[in-house]
Amino acid sequence: MQTQQWSLQDAKNKFSAVVDGAQQGKAQVINRRGVPSAVVVSVEEFEKFQRLEAFQAPSFIDHLLSMPTDDGEFARLDMPLRDF
């Protein structure tokens, strides 16, 4: 994916150009104080990312519930208890 860099001030002043670039398939990276801070993408790209994320990322709860369980008994070691 191609990208175009903008300073925050330029992006505010030329917001229509930022949106036009995003609609043409180029991600628009917005920099604040020289550090990338935000990305503007087309609605189609955003929806594609959302579908991909929903497909790949199970919830943490699902992850925990999918762990194997061991309901069997386990053998204890024959050791004396320690004194307190």
N, C-alpha and C. Protein backbone atom coordinates (compact mmCIF):
# COMPACT_ATOMS: atom_id res chain seq x y z
N MET A 1 0.85 -1.18 0.00
CA MET A 1 0.00 0.00 0.00
C MET A 1 0.89 1.23 0.00
N GLN A 2 0.58 2.15 -0.85
CA GLN A 2 1.33 3.40 -0.91
C GLN A 2 0.86 4.33 0.21
N THR A 3 1.77 5.17 0.64
CA THR A 3 1.42 6.13 1.69
C THR A 3 1.86 7.52 1.29
N GLN A 4 1.22 8.49 1.89
CA GLN A 4 1.62 9.88 1.73
C GLN A 4 1.69 10.49 3.13
N GLN A 5 2.74 11.24 3.39
CA GLN A 5 2.99 11.85 4.70
C GLN A 5 2.47 13.29 4.71
N TRP A 6 1.87 13.68 5.83
CA TRP A 6 1.39 15.04 6.03
C TRP A 6 1.77 15.50 7.43
N SER A 7 2.13 16.75 7.56
CA SER A 7 2.22 17.33 8.90
C SER A 7 0.78 17.60 9.35
N LEU A 8 0.56 17.69 10.63
CA LEU A 8 -0.78 17.92 11.14
C LEU A 8 -1.37 19.21 10.59
N GLN A 9 -0.57 20.26 10.57
CA GLN A 9 -1.06 21.55 10.07
C GLN A 9 -1.43 21.46 8.59
N ASP A 10 -0.58 20.82 7.77
CA ASP A 10 -0.89 20.67 6.34
C ASP A 10 -2.14 19.82 6.14
N ALA A 11 -2.29 18.77 6.94
CA ALA A 11 -3.47 17.91 6.81
C ALA A 11 -4.75 18.68 7.15
N LYS A 12 -4.68 19.56 8.16
CA LYS A 12 -5.85 20.38 8.50
C LYS A 12 -6.16 21.36 7.37
N ASN A 13 -5.12 21.98 6.82
CA ASN A 13 -5.32 22.97 5.77
C ASN A 13 -5.77 22.35 4.44
N LYS A 14 -5.40 21.11 4.20
CA LYS A 14 -5.70 20.46 2.93
C LYS A 14 -6.45 19.14 3.16
N PHE A 15 -7.44 19.20 4.03
CA PHE A 15 -8.14 17.98 4.41
C PHE A 15 -8.81 17.30 3.22
N SER A 16 -9.33 18.08 2.29
CA SER A 16 -9.95 17.50 1.09
C SER A 16 -8.94 16.67 0.31
N ALA A 17 -7.71 17.15 0.20
CA ALA A 17 -6.66 16.41 -0.51
C ALA A 17 -6.29 15.13 0.26
N VAL A 18 -6.32 15.20 1.58
CA VAL A 18 -6.05 14.01 2.40
C VAL A 18 -7.11 12.94 2.13
N VAL A 19 -8.37 13.35 2.13
CA VAL A 19 -9.47 12.42 1.89
C VAL A 19 -9.41 11.88 0.46
N ASP A 20 -9.13 12.75 -0.52
CA ASP A 20 -9.01 12.31 -1.91
C ASP A 20 -7.91 11.27 -2.06
N GLY A 21 -6.78 11.49 -1.42
CA GLY A 21 -5.68 10.53 -1.48
C GLY A 21 -6.06 9.19 -0.87
N ALA A 22 -6.78 9.23 0.25
CA ALA A 22 -7.23 7.99 0.89
C ALA A 22 -8.19 7.23 -0.02
N GLN A 23 -9.08 7.96 -0.70
CA GLN A 23 -10.04 7.31 -1.59
C GLN A 23 -9.36 6.72 -2.83
N GLN A 24 -8.18 7.20 -3.16
CA GLN A 24 -7.43 6.67 -4.30
C GLN A 24 -6.57 5.47 -3.90
N GLY A 25 -6.67 5.04 -2.65
CA GLY A 25 -5.96 3.85 -2.20
C GLY A 25 -4.62 4.12 -1.56
N LYS A 26 -4.28 5.37 -1.31
CA LYS A 26 -3.03 5.71 -0.64
C LYS A 26 -3.32 6.08 0.81
N ALA A 27 -2.71 5.37 1.72
CA ALA A 27 -2.88 5.70 3.14
C ALA A 27 -2.25 7.06 3.40
N GLN A 28 -2.93 7.90 4.14
CA GLN A 28 -2.47 9.25 4.45
C GLN A 28 -1.99 9.27 5.90
N VAL A 29 -0.68 9.36 6.09
CA VAL A 29 -0.08 9.35 7.42
C VAL A 29 0.03 10.78 7.93
N ILE A 30 -0.53 11.03 9.08
CA ILE A 30 -0.51 12.36 9.69
C ILE A 30 0.55 12.36 10.79
N ASN A 31 1.49 13.29 10.68
CA ASN A 31 2.57 13.41 11.67
C ASN A 31 2.32 14.59 12.59
N ARG A 32 2.53 14.36 13.87
CA ARG A 32 2.46 15.44 14.87
C ARG A 32 3.84 15.57 15.47
N ARG A 33 4.44 16.73 15.33
CA ARG A 33 5.82 16.99 15.79
C ARG A 33 6.80 15.97 15.22
N GLY A 34 6.57 15.59 13.96
CA GLY A 34 7.48 14.69 13.26
C GLY A 34 7.28 13.22 13.55
N VAL A 35 6.29 12.89 14.38
CA VAL A 35 6.04 11.50 14.76
C VAL A 35 4.71 11.06 14.14
N PRO A 36 4.67 9.92 13.43
CA PRO A 36 3.40 9.45 12.89
C PRO A 36 2.37 9.27 14.00
N SER A 37 1.19 9.90 13.83
CA SER A 37 0.18 9.89 14.90
C SER A 37 -1.15 9.31 14.47
N ALA A 38 -1.47 9.40 13.17
CA ALA A 38 -2.76 8.90 12.70
C ALA A 38 -2.63 8.53 11.23
N VAL A 39 -3.57 7.70 10.79
CA VAL A 39 -3.61 7.29 9.39
C VAL A 39 -5.04 7.44 8.90
N VAL A 40 -5.20 8.06 7.73
CA VAL A 40 -6.50 8.17 7.10
C VAL A 40 -6.51 7.19 5.93
N VAL A 41 -7.51 6.29 5.93
CA VAL A 41 -7.66 5.32 4.85
C VAL A 41 -9.09 5.38 4.34
N SER A 42 -9.33 4.79 3.19
CA SER A 42 -10.68 4.77 2.63
C SER A 42 -11.58 3.86 3.47
N VAL A 43 -12.87 4.03 3.32
CA VAL A 43 -13.83 3.20 4.03
C VAL A 43 -13.64 1.74 3.64
N GLU A 44 -13.37 1.48 2.38
CA GLU A 44 -13.17 0.10 1.91
C GLU A 44 -11.97 -0.54 2.63
N GLU A 45 -10.86 0.18 2.74
CA GLU A 45 -9.68 -0.35 3.44
C GLU A 45 -9.98 -0.58 4.91
N PHE A 46 -10.68 0.36 5.53
CA PHE A 46 -11.02 0.24 6.94
C PHE A 46 -11.89 -1.00 7.18
N GLU A 47 -12.90 -1.21 6.34
CA GLU A 47 -13.77 -2.38 6.48
C GLU A 47 -13.00 -3.67 6.25
N LYS A 48 -12.04 -3.64 5.31
CA LYS A 48 -11.21 -4.82 5.07
C LYS A 48 -10.38 -5.15 6.31
N PHE A 49 -9.81 -4.14 6.95
CA PHE A 49 -9.04 -4.35 8.17
C PHE A 49 -9.92 -4.90 9.29
N GLN A 50 -11.14 -4.38 9.40
CA GLN A 50 -12.05 -4.86 10.44
C GLN A 50 -12.42 -6.32 10.23
N ARG A 51 -12.70 -6.71 8.98
CA ARG A 51 -13.02 -8.12 8.69
C ARG A 51 -11.82 -9.01 9.01
N LEU A 52 -10.64 -8.57 8.64
CA LEU A 52 -9.43 -9.34 8.90
C LEU A 52 -9.20 -9.50 10.40
N GLU A 53 -9.37 -8.43 11.15
CA GLU A 53 -9.18 -8.49 12.60
C GLU A 53 -10.21 -9.41 13.25
N ALA A 54 -11.46 -9.33 12.82
CA ALA A 54 -12.50 -10.18 13.39
C ALA A 54 -12.24 -11.64 13.06
N PHE A 55 -11.68 -11.91 11.92
CA PHE A 55 -11.40 -13.29 11.50
C PHE A 55 -10.23 -13.88 12.28
N GLN A 56 -9.22 -13.08 12.57
CA GLN A 56 -7.98 -13.60 13.15
C GLN A 56 -7.90 -13.52 14.66
N ALA A 57 -8.62 -12.66 15.28
CA ALA A 57 -8.39 -12.41 16.70
C ALA A 57 -9.54 -12.94 17.56
N PRO A 58 -9.38 -14.15 18.13
CA PRO A 58 -10.41 -14.61 19.06
C PRO A 58 -10.33 -13.77 20.34
N SER A 59 -11.43 -13.71 21.04
CA SER A 59 -11.44 -12.93 22.27
C SER A 59 -10.58 -13.64 23.32
N PHE A 60 -10.17 -12.91 24.31
CA PHE A 60 -9.36 -13.48 25.38
C PHE A 60 -10.14 -14.55 26.13
N ILE A 61 -11.43 -14.34 26.30
CA ILE A 61 -12.27 -15.33 26.98
C ILE A 61 -12.31 -16.62 26.18
N ASP A 62 -12.49 -16.51 24.84
CA ASP A 62 -12.49 -17.71 24.00
C ASP A 62 -11.16 -18.44 24.10
N HIS A 63 -10.09 -17.67 24.16
CA HIS A 63 -8.76 -18.26 24.28
C HIS A 63 -8.64 -19.06 25.59
N LEU A 64 -9.08 -18.48 26.67
CA LEU A 64 -9.01 -19.18 27.96
C LEU A 64 -9.90 -20.43 27.97
N LEU A 65 -11.08 -20.31 27.39
CA LEU A 65 -12.00 -21.46 27.40
C LEU A 65 -11.52 -22.58 26.50
N SER A 66 -10.68 -22.30 25.54
CA SER A 66 -10.20 -23.33 24.62
C SER A 66 -9.01 -24.10 25.18
N MET A 67 -8.51 -23.70 26.34
CA MET A 67 -7.37 -24.39 26.92
C MET A 67 -7.78 -25.79 27.36
N PRO A 68 -6.89 -26.77 27.19
CA PRO A 68 -7.24 -28.13 27.62
C PRO A 68 -7.38 -28.20 29.13
N THR A 69 -8.25 -29.09 29.56
CA THR A 69 -8.45 -29.28 30.99
C THR A 69 -8.07 -30.71 31.35
N ASP A 70 -7.69 -30.92 32.58
CA ASP A 70 -7.35 -32.24 33.06
C ASP A 70 -8.17 -32.49 34.31
N ASP A 71 -9.23 -33.24 34.15
CA ASP A 71 -10.12 -33.52 35.27
C ASP A 71 -9.75 -34.80 35.99
N GLY A 72 -8.65 -35.40 35.61
CA GLY A 72 -8.24 -36.67 36.22
C GLY A 72 -7.56 -36.46 37.56
N GLU A 73 -7.39 -37.55 38.27
CA GLU A 73 -6.70 -37.52 39.55
C GLU A 73 -5.20 -37.50 39.32
N PHE A 74 -4.46 -36.99 40.27
CA PHE A 74 -3.01 -37.02 40.17
C PHE A 74 -2.45 -37.66 41.44
N ALA A 75 -1.34 -38.32 41.25
CA ALA A 75 -0.73 -39.03 42.38
C ALA A 75 0.02 -38.04 43.26
N ARG A 76 -0.17 -38.16 44.57
CA ARG A 76 0.55 -37.31 45.51
C ARG A 76 1.84 -38.01 45.92
N LEU A 77 2.85 -37.23 46.16
CA LEU A 77 4.11 -37.79 46.65
C LEU A 77 3.95 -38.15 48.13
N ASP A 78 4.54 -39.25 48.51
CA ASP A 78 4.45 -39.69 49.90
C ASP A 78 5.59 -39.01 50.67
N MET A 79 5.30 -37.81 51.16
CA MET A 79 6.30 -37.03 51.88
C MET A 79 5.68 -36.53 53.17
N PRO A 80 6.47 -36.41 54.23
CA PRO A 80 5.92 -35.85 55.46
C PRO A 80 5.67 -34.34 55.30
N LEU A 81 4.67 -33.86 56.00
CA LEU A 81 4.39 -32.43 55.98
C LEU A 81 5.46 -31.70 56.74
N ARG A 82 5.75 -30.49 56.38
CA ARG A 82 6.79 -29.73 57.08
C ARG A 82 6.19 -29.02 58.29
N ASP A 83 7.04 -28.78 59.26
CA ASP A 83 6.61 -28.10 60.48
C ASP A 83 6.63 -26.59 60.24
N PHE A 84 5.72 -25.91 60.89
CA PHE A 84 5.67 -24.45 60.79
C PHE A 84 6.30 -23.81 61.98
